[in-house]
């Protein structure tokens, strides 16, 4: 059905191209068993919460979880349910949390580490969201292959044993082919053979692979993008036998509004930059200030994932176990071509917001900026990051406290070096399928799943909520402490000015001493400078 109507925000008309004969998203998921890998990660948590709240008639969400830090899988899932992310569910429908069933396993293990009993229990799974991955850029090649590449193969093998499978979504990344600067919604040629790569990881030791990694990965900047690109090859090869989706988010950051504004559980992306600047730790950054920061709010991403799964799942012919669409649907989940922010704009926005919403843990006045000159950036790193960290750590030692700033600054520097490839380059991500998908949502699903309303959302308000979210959920700071933080910020700014004044005064004093010494030396050698101004 083609129509032209207003979307839920009431701001922009949107063409609707939905099929009235299809079930709604809620109806499609009703009574289904869903399997989620990476459920304890950032995106996985938001996905589970959204499915429980907006598709509440589903039967079960099986979550693959490793036992960790002496906690059982049941304890880990119970701990997750206590996060602020699940507060709305705890208040409105706490019984739905029981539909989340933890399953002991590990994506990096053969057979996903599942027991025969758990495999039998999950025989009726019909929707799989494969979200698990290591997003660290500095992982050893062997570990990255076993988790990101072989883990995808193991999920596919598990899916092949399910009699009622309707959709398997593999979550990749828009940066999985970083040597191409125009990324369309298609699978690109492989950088290596994924089967050979898995065999190498299984038979060689970690140290040998780390030596071979630069040569084996070619021109790719890190093990993450290399192994994610290989995982896409696995998905593409099985697209004619399984109802697969390849979903590529860009940088996923804080929620826009669903279920709460500003939800975040890590310091990745622009939010980490804003927090680092707000605390006073980050005062210089080497990148192109005009580069576009392609980020996507996590709730926008999760809504699109669920809509894409619904679309794919309603295309499958249940009787013949085949898809009406044999092609592999690919979605580049990104919004930079719809609305964008440059690195310079984000830094300036952070500077403005930090004056309104300072951080309690601010150790110096926010400041600094971006530079494209590498040597100048290194000079500023030494002057503004390393030297102050060494001095402050020295004060901590004298006070009998544990020093930490120098170690923290090393981590920040290492992280910035790892990000250089991505903050010095620009990519053009094509997202026609992602945009078109929003028009296929049925009217009754728009309230819960329409995701293009970010286009009209106030980006300053969004980043303001990001900072508030970072205060609440990452730094564990209370909103009622903001007035005290403002007073503390004014003190830090005054201290910053005093220190800068002292440094300038000392520099001028030393310069004058040098000039006096020079004058004395010239006088001793009998040299008197003359200045001819051309006057007669």
Protein backbone atom coordinates (compact mmCIF):
# COMPACT_ATOMS: atom_id res chain seq x y z
CA UNK A 1 0.00 0.00 0.00
CA UNK A 2 1.34 3.43 -0.95
CA UNK A 3 0.28 6.39 1.12
CA UNK A 4 1.49 9.81 2.16
CA UNK A 5 1.02 10.60 5.79
CA UNK A 6 2.67 12.20 8.78
CA UNK A 7 5.04 10.17 10.89
CA UNK A 8 4.64 10.08 14.70
CA UNK A 9 6.71 13.18 15.40
CA UNK A 10 4.29 15.21 13.31
CA UNK A 11 7.16 17.20 11.81
CA UNK A 12 7.82 15.77 8.37
CA UNK A 13 5.54 13.95 5.95
CA UNK A 14 6.86 10.51 5.02
CA UNK A 15 5.89 8.26 2.15
CA UNK A 16 4.53 4.99 3.45
CA UNK A 17 4.99 1.84 1.43
CA UNK A 18 3.66 -0.81 3.76
CA UNK A 19 1.90 -4.08 3.01
CA UNK A 20 -1.45 -4.19 4.87
CA UNK A 21 -1.59 -7.97 4.53
CA UNK A 22 1.51 -8.44 6.68
CA UNK A 23 1.23 -8.95 10.44
CA UNK A 24 2.37 -6.07 12.62
CA UNK A 25 5.78 -6.28 14.24
CA UNK A 26 4.22 -7.14 17.58
CA UNK A 27 2.10 -9.86 15.93
CA UNK A 28 5.10 -11.31 14.09
CA UNK A 29 7.10 -11.75 17.30
CA UNK A 30 4.13 -13.06 19.33
CA UNK A 31 4.73 -16.61 20.57
CA UNK A 32 8.26 -16.76 19.11
CA UNK A 33 11.51 -17.87 20.69
CA UNK A 34 14.36 -15.42 20.04
CA UNK A 35 18.08 -16.12 20.43
CA UNK A 36 20.50 -13.23 21.11
CA UNK A 37 24.29 -13.42 21.18
CA UNK A 38 26.10 -10.47 22.72
CA UNK A 39 23.11 -9.83 24.93
CA UNK A 40 25.19 -8.45 27.79
CA UNK A 41 26.89 -5.90 25.53
CA UNK A 42 25.73 -2.34 24.92
CA UNK A 43 23.54 -3.00 21.88
CA UNK A 44 22.43 -6.39 23.15
CA UNK A 45 21.01 -4.97 26.38
CA UNK A 46 19.03 -2.31 24.54
CA UNK A 47 17.76 -4.90 22.04
CA UNK A 48 16.52 -7.22 24.80
CA UNK A 49 14.80 -4.38 26.67
CA UNK A 50 13.08 -3.16 23.50
CA UNK A 51 11.88 -6.63 22.50
CA UNK A 52 10.47 -7.30 25.96
CA UNK A 53 8.71 -3.94 26.19
CA UNK A 54 7.41 -3.49 22.62
CA UNK A 55 7.00 -7.16 21.58
CA UNK A 56 5.81 -8.37 24.96
CA UNK A 57 3.88 -11.36 23.57
CA UNK A 58 7.03 -13.15 22.42
CA UNK A 59 7.60 -16.39 24.29
CA UNK A 60 11.28 -16.46 25.24
CA UNK A 61 14.53 -14.57 24.64
CA UNK A 62 17.47 -16.94 25.03
CA UNK A 63 20.64 -14.98 25.83
CA UNK A 64 24.06 -16.58 25.31
CA UNK A 65 26.22 -15.63 28.32
CA UNK A 66 29.64 -16.62 29.63
CA UNK A 67 30.22 -17.23 33.31
CA UNK A 68 32.42 -14.35 34.41
CA UNK A 69 34.16 -13.18 37.58
CA UNK A 70 32.74 -15.98 39.68
CA UNK A 71 29.17 -15.09 38.65
CA UNK A 72 26.80 -17.62 37.17
CA UNK A 73 24.83 -16.81 34.01
CA UNK A 74 21.68 -16.44 36.11
CA UNK A 75 23.39 -13.94 38.39
CA UNK A 76 24.66 -11.97 35.40
CA UNK A 77 21.22 -11.73 33.81
CA UNK A 78 19.65 -10.73 37.14
CA UNK A 79 22.32 -8.05 37.53
CA UNK A 80 21.56 -6.77 34.03
CA UNK A 81 17.86 -6.46 34.87
CA UNK A 82 18.74 -4.06 37.69
CA UNK A 83 20.29 -1.51 35.34
CA UNK A 84 18.52 1.86 34.88
CA UNK A 85 17.88 0.75 31.28
CA UNK A 86 15.28 -1.75 32.56
CA UNK A 87 13.64 0.59 35.08
CA UNK A 88 10.58 1.24 32.93
CA UNK A 89 10.04 -2.52 32.54
CA UNK A 90 10.56 -3.13 36.26
CA UNK A 91 7.89 -0.54 37.04
CA UNK A 92 5.34 -1.29 34.30
CA UNK A 93 5.67 -5.02 33.57
CA UNK A 94 8.22 -6.77 35.80
CA UNK A 95 6.84 -10.21 34.88
CA UNK A 96 8.23 -9.79 31.35
CA UNK A 97 11.80 -9.97 32.67
CA UNK A 98 11.25 -13.69 33.33
CA UNK A 99 11.07 -14.22 29.56
CA UNK A 100 14.83 -13.59 29.40
CA UNK A 101 16.48 -17.02 29.77
CA UNK A 102 20.28 -17.13 30.16
CA UNK A 103 22.11 -19.90 28.29
CA UNK A 104 25.67 -20.80 29.24
CA UNK A 105 28.00 -20.58 26.25
CA UNK A 106 30.67 -18.65 24.39
CA UNK A 107 30.67 -17.45 20.77
CA UNK A 108 34.42 -18.03 20.49
CA UNK A 109 34.00 -21.77 21.25
CA UNK A 110 33.10 -24.53 18.81
CA UNK A 111 29.38 -25.22 18.90
CA UNK A 112 29.02 -21.91 20.79
CA UNK A 113 29.88 -23.89 23.92
CA UNK A 114 26.25 -25.02 24.17
CA UNK A 115 25.29 -28.17 26.04
CA UNK A 116 23.07 -30.80 24.32
CA UNK A 117 20.23 -29.91 26.73
CA UNK A 118 20.42 -26.21 25.84
CA UNK A 119 20.45 -27.03 22.13
CA UNK A 120 17.34 -29.13 22.57
CA UNK A 121 15.69 -26.40 24.65
CA UNK A 122 16.25 -23.89 21.83
CA UNK A 123 14.92 -26.07 18.99
CA UNK A 124 11.96 -23.75 18.49
CA UNK A 125 14.00 -20.56 18.07
CA UNK A 126 12.84 -18.77 14.92
CA UNK A 127 14.64 -15.40 15.17
CA UNK A 128 18.37 -14.94 15.84
CA UNK A 129 20.18 -11.67 16.47
CA UNK A 130 23.93 -12.28 16.26
CA UNK A 131 25.29 -9.18 17.99
CA UNK A 132 28.32 -10.66 19.81
CA UNK A 133 31.73 -9.35 18.76
CA UNK A 134 34.89 -7.95 20.20
CA UNK A 135 34.98 -4.26 19.27
CA UNK A 136 38.52 -3.73 20.57
CA UNK A 137 40.93 -2.63 17.85
CA UNK A 138 43.99 -4.06 19.58
CA UNK A 139 42.83 -7.65 20.09
CA UNK A 140 45.38 -10.32 19.09
CA UNK A 141 44.56 -11.65 15.62
CA UNK A 142 43.86 -15.17 16.89
CA UNK A 143 41.32 -14.02 19.49
CA UNK A 144 39.59 -11.72 16.99
CA UNK A 145 39.31 -14.50 14.39
CA UNK A 146 37.89 -17.04 16.83
CA UNK A 147 35.29 -14.59 18.17
CA UNK A 148 34.32 -12.41 15.22
CA UNK A 149 34.83 -14.80 12.29
CA UNK A 150 34.58 -18.38 13.55
CA UNK A 151 31.89 -17.28 15.99
CA UNK A 152 29.74 -16.20 13.03
CA UNK A 153 30.30 -19.56 11.37
CA UNK A 154 29.18 -21.34 14.54
CA UNK A 155 26.01 -19.22 14.77
CA UNK A 156 25.23 -20.11 11.14
CA UNK A 157 25.78 -23.81 11.88
CA UNK A 158 23.43 -23.59 14.85
CA UNK A 159 20.82 -21.80 12.71
CA UNK A 160 20.97 -24.58 10.08
CA UNK A 161 19.66 -27.03 12.68
CA UNK A 162 16.53 -25.00 13.49
CA UNK A 163 13.38 -26.25 11.74
CA UNK A 164 11.37 -23.03 12.21
CA UNK A 165 14.02 -20.39 11.50
CA UNK A 166 12.52 -17.24 9.99
CA UNK A 167 15.40 -14.79 10.23
CA UNK A 168 19.08 -14.64 11.22
CA UNK A 169 20.51 -11.13 11.55
CA UNK A 170 24.27 -10.69 11.58
CA UNK A 171 25.35 -7.34 13.03
CA UNK A 172 28.50 -6.10 11.30
CA UNK A 173 29.89 -2.56 10.92
CA UNK A 174 29.88 0.15 8.27
CA UNK A 175 33.67 0.17 8.74
CA UNK A 176 34.17 -3.51 7.80
CA UNK A 177 35.59 -2.43 4.41
CA UNK A 178 37.63 0.61 5.46
CA UNK A 179 39.90 0.74 2.42
CA UNK A 180 36.89 1.77 0.32
CA UNK A 181 35.69 5.32 0.83
CA UNK A 182 32.27 4.80 -0.76
CA UNK A 183 30.46 1.98 1.02
CA UNK A 184 27.27 0.77 -0.61
CA UNK A 185 24.80 -1.76 0.74
CA UNK A 186 26.58 -4.71 -0.85
CA UNK A 187 29.19 -7.36 0.02
CA UNK A 188 32.68 -6.53 -1.23
CA UNK A 189 35.41 -8.95 -2.35
CA UNK A 190 37.18 -10.83 0.43
CA UNK A 191 40.54 -9.75 1.85
CA UNK A 192 41.36 -13.39 2.60
CA UNK A 193 39.72 -16.81 2.54
CA UNK A 194 37.66 -17.12 5.72
CA UNK A 195 38.05 -20.91 5.89
CA UNK A 196 41.84 -20.74 5.66
CA UNK A 197 41.89 -17.90 8.19
CA UNK A 198 39.92 -19.93 10.73
CA UNK A 199 42.19 -22.96 10.20
CA UNK A 200 45.26 -20.77 10.74
CA UNK A 201 43.82 -19.40 13.99
CA UNK A 202 43.01 -22.91 15.18
CA UNK A 203 46.48 -24.36 14.47
CA UNK A 204 48.97 -21.53 15.10
CA UNK A 205 49.84 -19.95 18.42
CA UNK A 206 48.95 -16.36 19.27
CA UNK A 207 52.52 -15.03 19.10
CA UNK A 208 53.14 -16.43 15.60
CA UNK A 209 49.87 -14.95 14.35
CA UNK A 210 50.70 -11.54 15.82
CA UNK A 211 53.97 -11.55 13.84
CA UNK A 212 52.13 -12.50 10.64
CA UNK A 213 49.16 -10.16 11.25
CA UNK A 214 50.39 -6.98 9.45
CA UNK A 215 51.26 -8.93 6.29
CA UNK A 216 48.19 -11.17 6.40
CA UNK A 217 45.71 -8.30 6.93
CA UNK A 218 47.20 -6.26 4.10
CA UNK A 219 46.28 -2.61 4.34
CA UNK A 220 43.52 -2.99 6.93
CA UNK A 221 44.18 -0.94 10.09
CA UNK A 222 43.27 -3.46 12.82
CA UNK A 223 42.10 -6.97 13.63
CA UNK A 224 38.53 -5.85 14.29
CA UNK A 225 37.69 -4.66 10.75
CA UNK A 226 39.62 -7.55 9.21
CA UNK A 227 37.72 -10.25 11.08
CA UNK A 228 34.35 -8.50 10.69
CA UNK A 229 34.89 -8.32 6.92
CA UNK A 230 35.56 -12.08 6.85
CA UNK A 231 32.38 -12.69 8.85
CA UNK A 232 30.44 -10.87 6.11
CA UNK A 233 31.81 -13.41 3.60
CA UNK A 234 30.38 -16.25 5.69
CA UNK A 235 26.98 -14.57 5.75
CA UNK A 236 27.04 -13.94 1.99
CA UNK A 237 27.93 -17.58 1.22
CA UNK A 238 24.95 -18.89 3.21
CA UNK A 239 22.39 -16.34 1.98
CA UNK A 240 20.89 -18.78 -0.54
CA UNK A 241 20.20 -21.36 2.19
CA UNK A 242 19.20 -19.28 5.21
CA UNK A 243 16.98 -16.19 5.70
CA UNK A 244 19.91 -13.92 6.54
CA UNK A 245 20.30 -10.17 7.04
CA UNK A 246 23.55 -8.21 7.05
CA UNK A 247 23.09 -5.18 9.30
CA UNK A 248 25.90 -2.59 9.47
CA UNK A 249 25.65 0.12 12.14
CA UNK A 250 28.08 3.02 12.21
CA UNK A 251 29.40 4.24 15.60
CA UNK A 252 26.60 3.43 18.06
CA UNK A 253 26.31 5.82 20.99
CA UNK A 254 23.84 7.02 23.65
CA UNK A 255 20.10 6.55 23.28
CA UNK A 256 18.05 9.42 21.94
CA UNK A 257 14.96 8.83 24.07
CA UNK A 258 13.91 5.15 24.21
CA UNK A 259 13.53 3.94 26.90
CA UNK A 260 15.44 6.80 28.57
CA UNK A 261 17.49 9.65 27.07
CA UNK A 262 21.25 9.38 27.20
CA UNK A 263 21.58 5.72 28.21
CA UNK A 264 25.18 4.52 27.70
CA UNK A 265 27.40 1.89 29.28
CA UNK A 266 30.78 2.65 27.67
CA UNK A 267 33.00 5.58 26.70
CA UNK A 268 33.16 4.78 22.98
CA UNK A 269 32.77 7.38 20.24
CA UNK A 270 31.96 11.09 20.63
CA UNK A 271 30.59 10.62 24.16
CA UNK A 272 33.98 9.40 25.38
CA UNK A 273 35.59 12.43 23.75
CA UNK A 274 33.13 14.80 25.45
CA UNK A 275 33.61 13.15 28.84
CA UNK A 276 37.41 13.21 28.50
CA UNK A 277 37.31 16.90 27.61
CA UNK A 278 34.78 17.65 30.37
CA UNK A 279 36.98 16.02 33.01
CA UNK A 280 39.96 17.99 31.74
CA UNK A 281 41.98 14.91 30.70
CA UNK A 282 41.76 15.38 26.91
CA UNK A 283 43.12 18.72 25.74
CA UNK A 284 44.39 17.92 22.26
CA UNK A 285 43.33 15.66 19.41
CA UNK A 286 44.99 14.86 16.11
CA UNK A 287 42.34 14.76 13.41
CA UNK A 288 40.72 16.71 10.59
CA UNK A 289 38.25 19.13 12.24
CA UNK A 290 36.05 18.97 9.13
CA UNK A 291 35.70 15.18 9.23
CA UNK A 292 32.14 13.93 9.65
CA UNK A 293 31.50 11.98 12.85
CA UNK A 294 29.11 9.24 11.72
CA UNK A 295 27.26 8.16 14.85
CA UNK A 296 23.88 6.55 15.42
CA UNK A 297 21.84 6.64 18.66
CA UNK A 298 21.49 3.11 19.98
CA UNK A 299 17.67 3.22 20.14
CA UNK A 300 17.52 4.29 16.46
CA UNK A 301 19.77 1.36 15.60
CA UNK A 302 17.80 -1.19 17.64
CA UNK A 303 14.45 -0.12 16.20
CA UNK A 304 15.83 -0.51 12.68
CA UNK A 305 17.21 -3.96 13.55
CA UNK A 306 13.82 -5.16 14.78
CA UNK A 307 12.04 -3.70 11.73
CA UNK A 308 14.55 -5.36 9.38
CA UNK A 309 14.08 -8.72 11.16
CA UNK A 310 10.29 -8.37 10.87
CA UNK A 311 10.51 -7.56 7.15
CA UNK A 312 12.79 -10.53 6.45
CA UNK A 313 10.78 -12.86 8.64
CA UNK A 314 7.50 -12.03 6.88
CA UNK A 315 9.08 -12.80 3.49
CA UNK A 316 9.76 -16.45 4.35
CA UNK A 317 7.39 -19.09 2.98
CA UNK A 318 6.74 -21.28 6.02
CA UNK A 319 5.42 -24.21 3.99
CA UNK A 320 8.38 -24.50 1.63
CA UNK A 321 10.98 -23.14 4.07
CA UNK A 322 12.29 -20.72 1.48
CA UNK A 323 12.42 -16.95 1.19
CA UNK A 324 10.43 -14.87 -1.25
CA UNK A 325 13.59 -12.72 -1.43
CA UNK A 326 16.63 -14.94 -2.14
CA UNK A 327 18.98 -11.94 -2.15
CA UNK A 328 20.86 -10.91 0.97
CA UNK A 329 19.28 -7.76 2.49
CA UNK A 330 22.01 -5.35 3.60
CA UNK A 331 21.40 -2.21 5.67
CA UNK A 332 23.98 0.49 6.34
CA UNK A 333 22.57 1.94 9.56
CA UNK A 334 23.99 5.45 9.45
CA UNK A 335 22.62 8.98 9.37
CA UNK A 336 25.52 11.25 8.35
CA UNK A 337 23.97 11.87 4.93
CA UNK A 338 20.68 12.82 6.60
CA UNK A 339 22.22 15.09 9.20
CA UNK A 340 25.86 15.35 10.12
CA UNK A 341 28.22 16.84 12.65
CA UNK A 342 31.90 17.53 12.13
CA UNK A 343 34.54 16.76 14.74
CA UNK A 344 35.01 20.51 15.28
CA UNK A 345 31.27 21.00 15.85
CA UNK A 346 31.16 18.19 18.41
CA UNK A 347 34.15 19.61 20.31
CA UNK A 348 32.59 23.08 20.29
CA UNK A 349 29.27 21.63 21.42
CA UNK A 350 31.05 19.81 24.23
CA UNK A 351 32.77 23.03 25.31
CA UNK A 352 29.41 24.83 25.43
CA UNK A 353 27.61 22.02 27.27
CA UNK A 354 30.42 21.59 29.82
CA UNK A 355 29.77 25.14 31.02
CA UNK A 356 26.14 24.19 31.67
CA UNK A 357 26.55 20.61 32.89
CA UNK A 358 30.06 20.20 34.35
CA UNK A 359 31.30 16.89 35.72
CA UNK A 360 31.84 16.36 39.44
CA UNK A 361 35.11 14.54 38.73
CA UNK A 362 36.57 17.45 36.78
CA UNK A 363 40.30 17.60 37.62
CA UNK A 364 41.07 20.62 35.43
CA UNK A 365 39.16 23.23 33.46
CA UNK A 366 37.97 21.89 30.07
CA UNK A 367 39.99 23.27 27.20
CA UNK A 368 42.23 22.46 24.27
CA UNK A 369 41.20 21.64 20.73
CA UNK A 370 41.85 19.82 17.47
CA UNK A 371 44.94 20.07 15.28
CA UNK A 372 45.93 18.56 11.91
CA UNK A 373 49.65 19.04 12.60
CA UNK A 374 51.06 15.82 14.06
CA UNK A 375 54.17 17.32 15.63
CA UNK A 376 52.13 20.11 17.23
CA UNK A 377 49.75 17.51 18.64
CA UNK A 378 52.67 15.55 20.11
CA UNK A 379 53.98 18.75 21.70
CA UNK A 380 50.55 19.43 23.25
CA UNK A 381 50.28 15.81 24.45
CA UNK A 382 53.57 16.22 26.31
CA UNK A 383 52.70 19.67 27.67
CA UNK A 384 49.01 19.19 28.53
CA UNK A 385 48.70 15.44 29.13
CA UNK A 386 51.95 13.78 30.17
CA UNK A 387 53.70 16.45 32.24
CA UNK A 388 50.62 17.41 34.34
CA UNK A 389 49.89 13.70 34.90
CA UNK A 390 53.42 13.10 36.19
CA UNK A 391 53.24 16.15 38.48
CA UNK A 392 49.79 15.28 39.88
CA UNK A 393 50.78 11.63 40.37
CA UNK A 394 53.81 12.90 42.29
CA UNK A 395 51.50 14.89 44.57
CA UNK A 396 49.36 11.76 45.07
CA UNK A 397 52.45 9.79 46.11
CA UNK A 398 53.44 12.46 48.62
CA UNK A 399 49.91 12.30 50.06
CA UNK A 400 50.10 8.51 50.31
CA UNK A 401 47.52 7.95 47.60
CA UNK A 402 47.76 5.64 44.59
CA UNK A 403 48.83 7.47 41.39
CA UNK A 404 46.71 6.82 38.32
CA UNK A 405 46.83 9.78 35.90
CA UNK A 406 49.96 8.83 33.97
CA UNK A 407 48.60 5.33 33.38
CA UNK A 408 45.25 6.76 32.30
CA UNK A 409 46.90 9.22 29.90
CA UNK A 410 48.84 6.34 28.33
CA UNK A 411 45.54 4.54 27.70
CA UNK A 412 44.01 7.67 26.18
CA UNK A 413 47.02 8.16 23.91
CA UNK A 414 46.94 4.49 22.82
CA UNK A 415 43.21 4.74 22.09
CA UNK A 416 43.71 7.91 20.03
CA UNK A 417 46.47 6.25 18.00
CA UNK A 418 44.18 3.28 17.32
CA UNK A 419 41.46 5.67 16.13
CA UNK A 420 43.72 7.76 13.89
CA UNK A 421 42.82 5.87 10.72
CA UNK A 422 39.13 6.55 11.31
CA UNK A 423 39.34 10.19 12.44
CA UNK A 424 41.67 11.22 9.62
CA UNK A 425 39.50 9.76 6.85
CA UNK A 426 35.97 10.28 5.60
CA UNK A 427 33.60 7.67 4.21
CA UNK A 428 30.49 8.01 2.10
CA UNK A 429 28.02 5.43 3.41
CA UNK A 430 25.08 4.74 1.11
CA UNK A 431 21.93 3.83 3.03
CA UNK A 432 19.05 3.58 0.55
CA UNK A 433 17.79 0.29 2.01
CA UNK A 434 18.01 1.67 5.55
CA UNK A 435 15.99 4.77 4.59
CA UNK A 436 13.45 2.81 2.54
CA UNK A 437 12.90 0.32 5.36
CA UNK A 438 11.29 3.03 7.52
CA UNK A 439 8.56 3.54 4.90
CA UNK A 440 7.51 -0.11 5.18
CA UNK A 441 6.53 0.10 8.84
CA UNK A 442 2.81 -0.34 9.31
CA UNK A 443 0.94 2.62 10.90
CA UNK A 444 0.20 0.66 14.09
CA UNK A 445 3.95 0.08 14.56
CA UNK A 446 5.10 3.66 14.00
CA UNK A 447 4.83 4.68 17.66
CA UNK A 448 7.19 1.94 18.86
CA UNK A 449 9.47 1.41 15.88
CA UNK A 450 9.69 4.47 13.63
CA UNK A 451 13.38 5.44 13.72
CA UNK A 452 13.90 8.33 11.31
CA UNK A 453 12.68 10.94 13.80
CA UNK A 454 16.31 11.58 14.72
CA UNK A 455 16.55 13.69 11.57
CA UNK A 456 14.40 16.38 13.19
CA UNK A 457 15.72 15.89 16.71
CA UNK A 458 17.66 18.81 18.22
CA UNK A 459 21.29 17.62 18.07
CA UNK A 460 22.35 20.02 20.85
CA UNK A 461 19.64 18.59 23.10
CA UNK A 462 20.79 15.11 22.13
CA UNK A 463 24.40 15.74 23.18
CA UNK A 464 23.18 17.50 26.30
CA UNK A 465 21.34 14.29 27.19
CA UNK A 466 24.52 12.36 26.32
CA UNK A 467 26.50 14.32 28.90
CA UNK A 468 23.72 13.94 31.49
CA UNK A 469 23.65 10.21 30.71
CA UNK A 470 27.42 9.96 31.10
CA UNK A 471 27.12 11.67 34.49
CA UNK A 472 24.35 9.34 35.66
CA UNK A 473 25.24 5.97 34.15
CA UNK A 474 29.00 6.00 33.60
CA UNK A 475 30.42 8.33 36.26
CA UNK A 476 27.63 7.63 38.80
CA UNK A 477 27.18 11.34 39.50
CA UNK A 478 23.89 12.77 40.78
CA UNK A 479 21.96 15.54 39.04
CA UNK A 480 21.50 17.40 42.32
CA UNK A 481 25.30 17.85 42.50
CA UNK A 482 25.39 20.00 39.33
CA UNK A 483 25.31 23.33 41.28
CA UNK A 484 28.34 22.18 43.31
CA UNK A 485 30.03 21.07 40.11
CA UNK A 486 29.47 24.54 38.63
CA UNK A 487 31.21 26.11 41.63
CA UNK A 488 34.05 23.61 41.28
CA UNK A 489 34.31 24.40 37.55
CA UNK A 490 34.65 28.13 38.26
CA UNK A 491 37.50 27.34 40.67
CA UNK A 492 39.18 25.16 38.07
CA UNK A 493 38.90 27.93 35.47
CA UNK A 494 40.42 30.42 37.90
CA UNK A 495 43.22 27.98 38.73
CA UNK A 496 43.78 27.42 35.00
CA UNK A 497 44.15 31.19 34.42
CA UNK A 498 46.47 31.59 37.42
CA UNK A 499 48.69 28.73 36.26
CA UNK A 500 48.84 30.05 32.71
CA UNK A 501 49.68 33.53 34.02
CA UNK A 502 52.48 32.11 36.19
CA UNK A 503 53.87 30.10 33.26
CA UNK A 504 53.85 33.16 30.98
CA UNK A 505 55.43 35.30 33.72
CA UNK A 506 58.18 32.73 34.36
CA UNK A 507 58.83 32.44 30.62
CA UNK A 508 59.12 36.24 30.24
CA UNK A 509 61.33 36.44 33.32
CA UNK A 510 63.68 33.78 31.97
CA UNK A 511 63.66 35.52 28.59
CA UNK A 512 64.64 38.83 30.24
CA UNK A 513 67.42 37.08 32.15
CA UNK A 514 68.73 35.63 28.90
CA UNK A 515 68.60 39.07 27.26
CA UNK A 516 70.47 40.61 30.23
CA UNK A 517 73.12 37.90 30.01
CA UNK A 518 73.44 38.52 26.28
CA UNK A 519 73.84 42.25 26.90
CA UNK A 520 76.57 41.65 29.49
CA UNK A 521 78.46 39.34 27.14
CA UNK A 522 78.27 41.88 24.30
CA UNK A 523 79.44 44.63 26.64
CA UNK A 524 82.41 42.55 27.79
CA UNK A 525 83.56 41.91 24.22
CA UNK A 526 83.23 45.60 23.50
CA UNK A 527 80.38 45.31 21.01
CA UNK A 528 77.81 48.09 21.13
CA UNK A 529 74.89 47.66 18.74
CA UNK A 530 73.90 50.76 16.80
CA UNK A 531 70.59 51.51 15.24
CA UNK A 532 70.58 53.74 12.16
CA UNK A 533 67.11 55.09 11.71
CA UNK A 534 68.02 57.09 8.65
CA UNK A 535 67.85 60.46 10.48
CA UNK A 536 70.25 63.29 9.56
